[in-house]
Amino acid sequence: MGIEETTQKLVEVQGEKEQLELKLLELNLQFAEVKRNLEVEREDLTNKVRVLETEIEHLRKQNEQTEVTLTQKLQTYEATIESHHADAIKLRQELTHAQLILEQVRRDHEAEIDLQKVNYRTLQAELLEVQTKSGERKRKVEETKKKLVEVDEEKERLAGKARELAVKLAEVERELERERQEKERLSRDIDQLHDRVSNLSTCLLYTSDAADDLLCVDLGGRRIIKKK
């Protein structure tokens, strides 16, 4: 009777093992799906980064055009305000300073966006002093600031999504690790049951203190008496 119960237990454990293997297979499929989703997300992030790089290149070209425009205006001011020599000298100094700032912004634009924002604010203040009546230039500067704010917001959103994906992946990995440990534990239990079945004799004695001797007790709590 004890052997039949042990065999039944083995069958049940084997069934549980198969169920766990099926569950592990499902988890592996889910993990593959998550991995594919992560690849899609990464491709999407890469595309968005390319778009941002394109916008940055567009801004850089605008800066170069602005530099050319300021140079042309400087030459025009030098040719047309000779009668106001003192004012022309002051204006030339301000425009030269603006050209230096624009050149610095152009060199550092791709590597340091935050520094570029500071330079833009400085440039905006200086250009407003020189061109108080230039509404078109002011509009372009405002559009550039809005684009920079949008870039920062997009960066924050992408960073938050990346953190969420990392948390999900960590949860899946922890679940897989728990399933692997459970599978290993069940495998050890099955091996121990096999060992016990192979050592069983035909004489079983029910004892109230059978649990005190773990090495000679079957699954039903009975002490195993080996015949000599």
Protein backbone atom coordinates (compact mmCIF):
# COMPACT_ATOMS: atom_id res chain seq x y z
CA MET A 1 0.00 0.00 0.00
CA GLY A 2 2.85 2.38 0.83
CA ILE A 3 4.52 1.72 -2.50
CA GLU A 4 1.26 2.44 -4.34
CA GLU A 5 0.84 5.75 -2.46
CA THR A 6 4.45 6.64 -3.17
CA THR A 7 3.95 5.80 -6.84
CA GLN A 8 0.82 7.93 -6.90
CA LYS A 9 2.75 10.77 -5.29
CA LEU A 10 5.46 10.37 -7.92
CA VAL A 11 2.83 10.56 -10.66
CA GLU A 12 1.37 13.69 -9.06
CA VAL A 13 4.81 15.25 -8.71
CA GLN A 14 5.57 14.33 -12.32
CA GLY A 15 2.31 16.01 -13.37
CA GLU A 16 3.20 19.11 -11.37
CA LYS A 17 6.63 19.05 -12.96
CA GLU A 18 5.07 18.95 -16.44
CA GLN A 19 2.73 21.80 -15.50
CA LEU A 20 5.70 23.82 -14.26
CA GLU A 21 7.58 23.06 -17.47
CA LEU A 22 4.57 24.27 -19.47
CA LYS A 23 4.40 27.38 -17.31
CA LEU A 24 8.13 27.92 -17.82
CA LEU A 25 7.62 27.57 -21.56
CA GLU A 26 4.83 30.16 -21.39
CA LEU A 27 7.11 32.48 -19.41
CA ASN A 28 9.85 31.99 -22.00
CA LEU A 29 7.36 32.92 -24.72
CA GLN A 30 6.28 35.96 -22.71
CA PHE A 31 9.91 36.89 -22.20
CA ALA A 32 10.53 36.59 -25.95
CA GLU A 33 7.50 38.81 -26.56
CA VAL A 34 8.79 41.38 -24.06
CA LYS A 35 12.19 41.22 -25.71
CA ARG A 36 10.63 41.84 -29.13
CA ASN A 37 8.67 44.74 -27.69
CA LEU A 38 11.86 46.15 -26.25
CA GLU A 39 13.51 45.86 -29.66
CA VAL A 40 10.58 47.73 -31.21
CA GLU A 41 10.79 50.40 -28.49
CA ARG A 42 14.52 50.70 -29.04
CA GLU A 43 13.99 51.11 -32.79
CA ASP A 44 11.36 53.77 -32.08
CA LEU A 45 13.73 55.58 -29.74
CA THR A 46 16.45 55.39 -32.41
CA ASN A 47 14.10 56.94 -34.97
CA LYS A 48 13.16 59.71 -32.57
CA VAL A 49 16.83 60.38 -31.87
CA ARG A 50 17.40 60.68 -35.62
CA VAL A 51 14.53 63.17 -35.82
CA LEU A 52 16.06 65.17 -32.97
CA GLU A 53 19.44 65.12 -34.69
CA THR A 54 17.78 66.41 -37.85
CA GLU A 55 16.15 69.24 -35.90
CA ILE A 56 19.49 70.06 -34.27
CA GLU A 57 21.15 70.18 -37.70
CA HIS A 58 18.37 72.46 -38.87
CA LEU A 59 18.98 74.76 -35.90
CA ARG A 60 22.69 74.75 -36.63
CA LYS A 61 22.02 75.85 -40.22
CA GLN A 62 19.74 78.58 -38.91
CA ASN A 63 22.57 79.74 -36.67
CA GLU A 64 24.93 79.87 -39.64
CA GLN A 65 22.36 81.85 -41.63
CA THR A 66 21.91 84.18 -38.67
CA GLU A 67 25.66 84.67 -38.48
CA VAL A 68 25.78 85.56 -42.17
CA THR A 69 22.86 87.94 -41.71
CA LEU A 70 24.53 89.65 -38.76
CA THR A 71 27.76 89.99 -40.74
CA GLN A 72 25.89 91.56 -43.64
CA LYS A 73 24.05 93.92 -41.32
CA LEU A 74 27.34 94.87 -39.69
CA GLN A 75 28.78 95.77 -43.08
CA THR A 76 25.62 97.74 -43.91
CA TYR A 77 25.82 99.63 -40.63
CA GLU A 78 29.48 100.50 -41.25
CA ALA A 79 28.63 101.82 -44.76
CA THR A 80 25.48 103.80 -43.82
CA ILE A 81 26.20 105.39 -40.41
CA GLU A 82 29.54 107.07 -41.07
CA SER A 83 28.03 110.36 -39.87
CA HIS A 84 27.49 108.79 -36.46
CA HIS A 85 30.96 107.46 -35.89
CA ALA A 86 30.67 107.06 -32.13
CA ASP A 87 27.41 105.11 -32.36
CA ALA A 88 28.80 102.99 -35.20
CA ILE A 89 31.79 101.95 -33.07
CA LYS A 90 29.52 100.89 -30.23
CA LEU A 91 27.21 98.98 -32.61
CA ARG A 92 30.20 97.25 -34.24
CA GLN A 93 31.42 96.07 -30.85
CA GLU A 94 27.98 94.66 -29.96
CA LEU A 95 27.65 92.86 -33.29
CA THR A 96 31.16 91.44 -33.02
CA HIS A 97 30.34 90.15 -29.57
CA ALA A 98 27.13 88.58 -30.95
CA GLN A 99 29.16 86.92 -33.74
CA LEU A 100 31.53 85.41 -31.18
CA ILE A 101 28.60 84.06 -29.18
CA LEU A 102 27.00 82.56 -32.30
CA GLU A 103 30.27 80.91 -33.29
CA GLN A 104 30.61 79.38 -29.82
CA VAL A 105 27.01 78.13 -29.97
CA ARG A 106 27.64 76.55 -33.40
CA ARG A 107 30.71 74.61 -32.16
CA ASP A 108 29.11 73.29 -28.97
CA HIS A 109 25.55 72.81 -30.20
CA GLU A 110 25.52 69.03 -30.72
CA ALA A 111 27.42 68.12 -27.54
CA GLU A 112 25.93 70.61 -25.03
CA ILE A 113 22.30 71.50 -25.63
CA ASP A 114 21.88 72.97 -22.16
CA LEU A 115 24.84 75.27 -22.69
CA GLN A 116 23.33 76.28 -26.02
CA LYS A 117 20.13 77.36 -24.25
CA VAL A 118 22.13 79.66 -21.98
CA ASN A 119 23.96 81.08 -25.00
CA TYR A 120 20.65 81.60 -26.78
CA ARG A 121 19.29 83.57 -23.85
CA THR A 122 22.44 85.69 -23.81
CA LEU A 123 22.28 86.13 -27.57
CA GLN A 124 18.61 87.03 -27.37
CA ALA A 125 19.30 89.77 -24.81
CA GLU A 126 22.12 91.23 -26.90
CA LEU A 127 20.19 91.05 -30.16
CA LEU A 128 17.17 92.72 -28.56
CA GLU A 129 19.46 95.60 -27.51
CA VAL A 130 20.78 95.93 -31.08
CA GLN A 131 17.54 95.14 -32.95
CA THR A 132 14.72 96.40 -30.74
CA LYS A 133 12.46 96.82 -33.77
CA SER A 134 13.26 93.48 -35.45
CA GLY A 135 10.09 91.41 -34.83
CA GLU A 136 11.12 88.68 -37.23
CA ARG A 137 14.31 87.90 -35.35
CA LYS A 138 12.43 87.82 -32.05
CA ARG A 139 9.91 85.35 -33.46
CA LYS A 140 12.68 83.01 -34.63
CA VAL A 141 14.34 83.08 -31.22
CA GLU A 142 11.01 82.23 -29.53
CA GLU A 143 10.46 79.32 -31.92
CA THR A 144 13.96 78.04 -31.15
CA LYS A 145 13.28 78.20 -27.41
CA LYS A 146 10.00 76.30 -27.84
CA LYS A 147 11.75 73.61 -29.86
CA LEU A 148 14.42 73.26 -27.17
CA VAL A 149 11.71 72.89 -24.50
CA GLU A 150 9.99 70.25 -26.64
CA VAL A 151 13.30 68.41 -27.04
CA ASP A 152 13.78 68.39 -23.25
CA GLU A 153 10.22 67.14 -22.68
CA GLU A 154 10.71 64.38 -25.26
CA LYS A 155 13.97 63.36 -23.59
CA GLU A 156 12.21 63.14 -20.20
CA ARG A 157 9.36 61.08 -21.67
CA LEU A 158 11.75 58.68 -23.39
CA ALA A 159 13.81 58.34 -20.22
CA GLY A 160 10.65 57.54 -18.19
CA LYS A 161 9.57 54.93 -20.72
CA ALA A 162 13.04 53.36 -20.67
CA ARG A 163 12.87 53.14 -16.86
CA GLU A 164 9.44 51.49 -17.05
CA LEU A 165 10.70 48.93 -19.55
CA ALA A 166 13.72 48.21 -17.35
CA VAL A 167 11.43 47.60 -14.34
CA LYS A 168 9.21 45.25 -16.37
CA LEU A 169 12.22 43.33 -17.62
CA ALA A 170 13.56 43.00 -14.08
CA GLU A 171 10.20 41.64 -12.90
CA VAL A 172 10.15 39.06 -15.69
CA GLU A 173 13.70 37.99 -14.85
CA ARG A 174 12.82 37.63 -11.17
CA GLU A 175 9.77 35.54 -12.06
CA LEU A 176 11.89 33.29 -14.29
CA GLU A 177 14.44 32.91 -11.51
CA ARG A 178 11.72 31.90 -9.04
CA GLU A 179 10.33 29.36 -11.50
CA ARG A 180 13.82 27.96 -12.10
CA GLN A 181 14.43 27.60 -8.35
CA GLU A 182 11.02 25.92 -7.92
CA LYS A 183 11.84 23.52 -10.74
CA GLU A 184 15.19 22.68 -9.17
CA ARG A 185 13.51 22.10 -5.81
CA LEU A 186 10.93 19.76 -7.36
CA SER A 187 13.70 17.90 -9.19
CA ARG A 188 15.53 17.37 -5.90
CA ASP A 189 12.30 16.18 -4.24
CA ILE A 190 11.71 13.71 -7.07
CA ASP A 191 15.27 12.41 -6.77
CA GLN A 192 14.80 11.96 -3.03
CA LEU A 193 11.51 10.10 -3.62
CA HIS A 194 13.24 7.80 -6.10
CA ASP A 195 15.97 7.11 -3.54
CA ARG A 196 13.41 6.38 -0.86
CA VAL A 197 11.38 4.08 -3.11
CA SER A 198 14.49 2.13 -4.04
CA ASN A 199 15.29 1.64 -0.30
CA LEU A 200 11.77 0.64 0.78
CA SER A 201 11.25 -2.84 2.36
CA THR A 202 8.03 -4.85 2.62
CA CYS A 203 7.56 -4.06 6.33
CA LEU A 204 6.19 -0.64 7.30
CA LEU A 205 5.58 0.39 10.90
CA TYR A 206 3.29 3.33 11.79
CA THR A 207 4.84 5.38 14.59
CA SER A 208 3.79 8.58 16.30
CA ASP A 209 7.39 9.81 16.43
CA ALA A 210 8.24 8.85 12.85
CA ALA A 211 8.85 12.48 11.94
CA ASP A 212 11.89 12.49 14.26
CA ASP A 213 13.80 10.28 11.83
CA LEU A 214 13.66 12.03 8.44
CA LEU A 215 15.95 9.56 6.69
CA CYS A 216 13.69 6.52 7.40
CA VAL A 217 10.17 7.98 6.98
CA ASP A 218 7.98 7.73 3.85
CA LEU A 219 5.57 10.39 2.58
CA GLY A 220 2.75 9.07 4.81
CA GLY A 221 4.72 9.65 8.04
CA ARG A 222 5.53 5.94 8.56
CA ARG A 223 8.87 4.64 9.76
CA ILE A 224 10.57 2.36 7.28
CA ILE A 225 11.90 -0.90 8.82
CA LYS A 226 14.56 -2.56 6.71
CA LYS A 227 14.79 -6.36 6.85
CA LYS A 228 18.22 -7.77 7.39
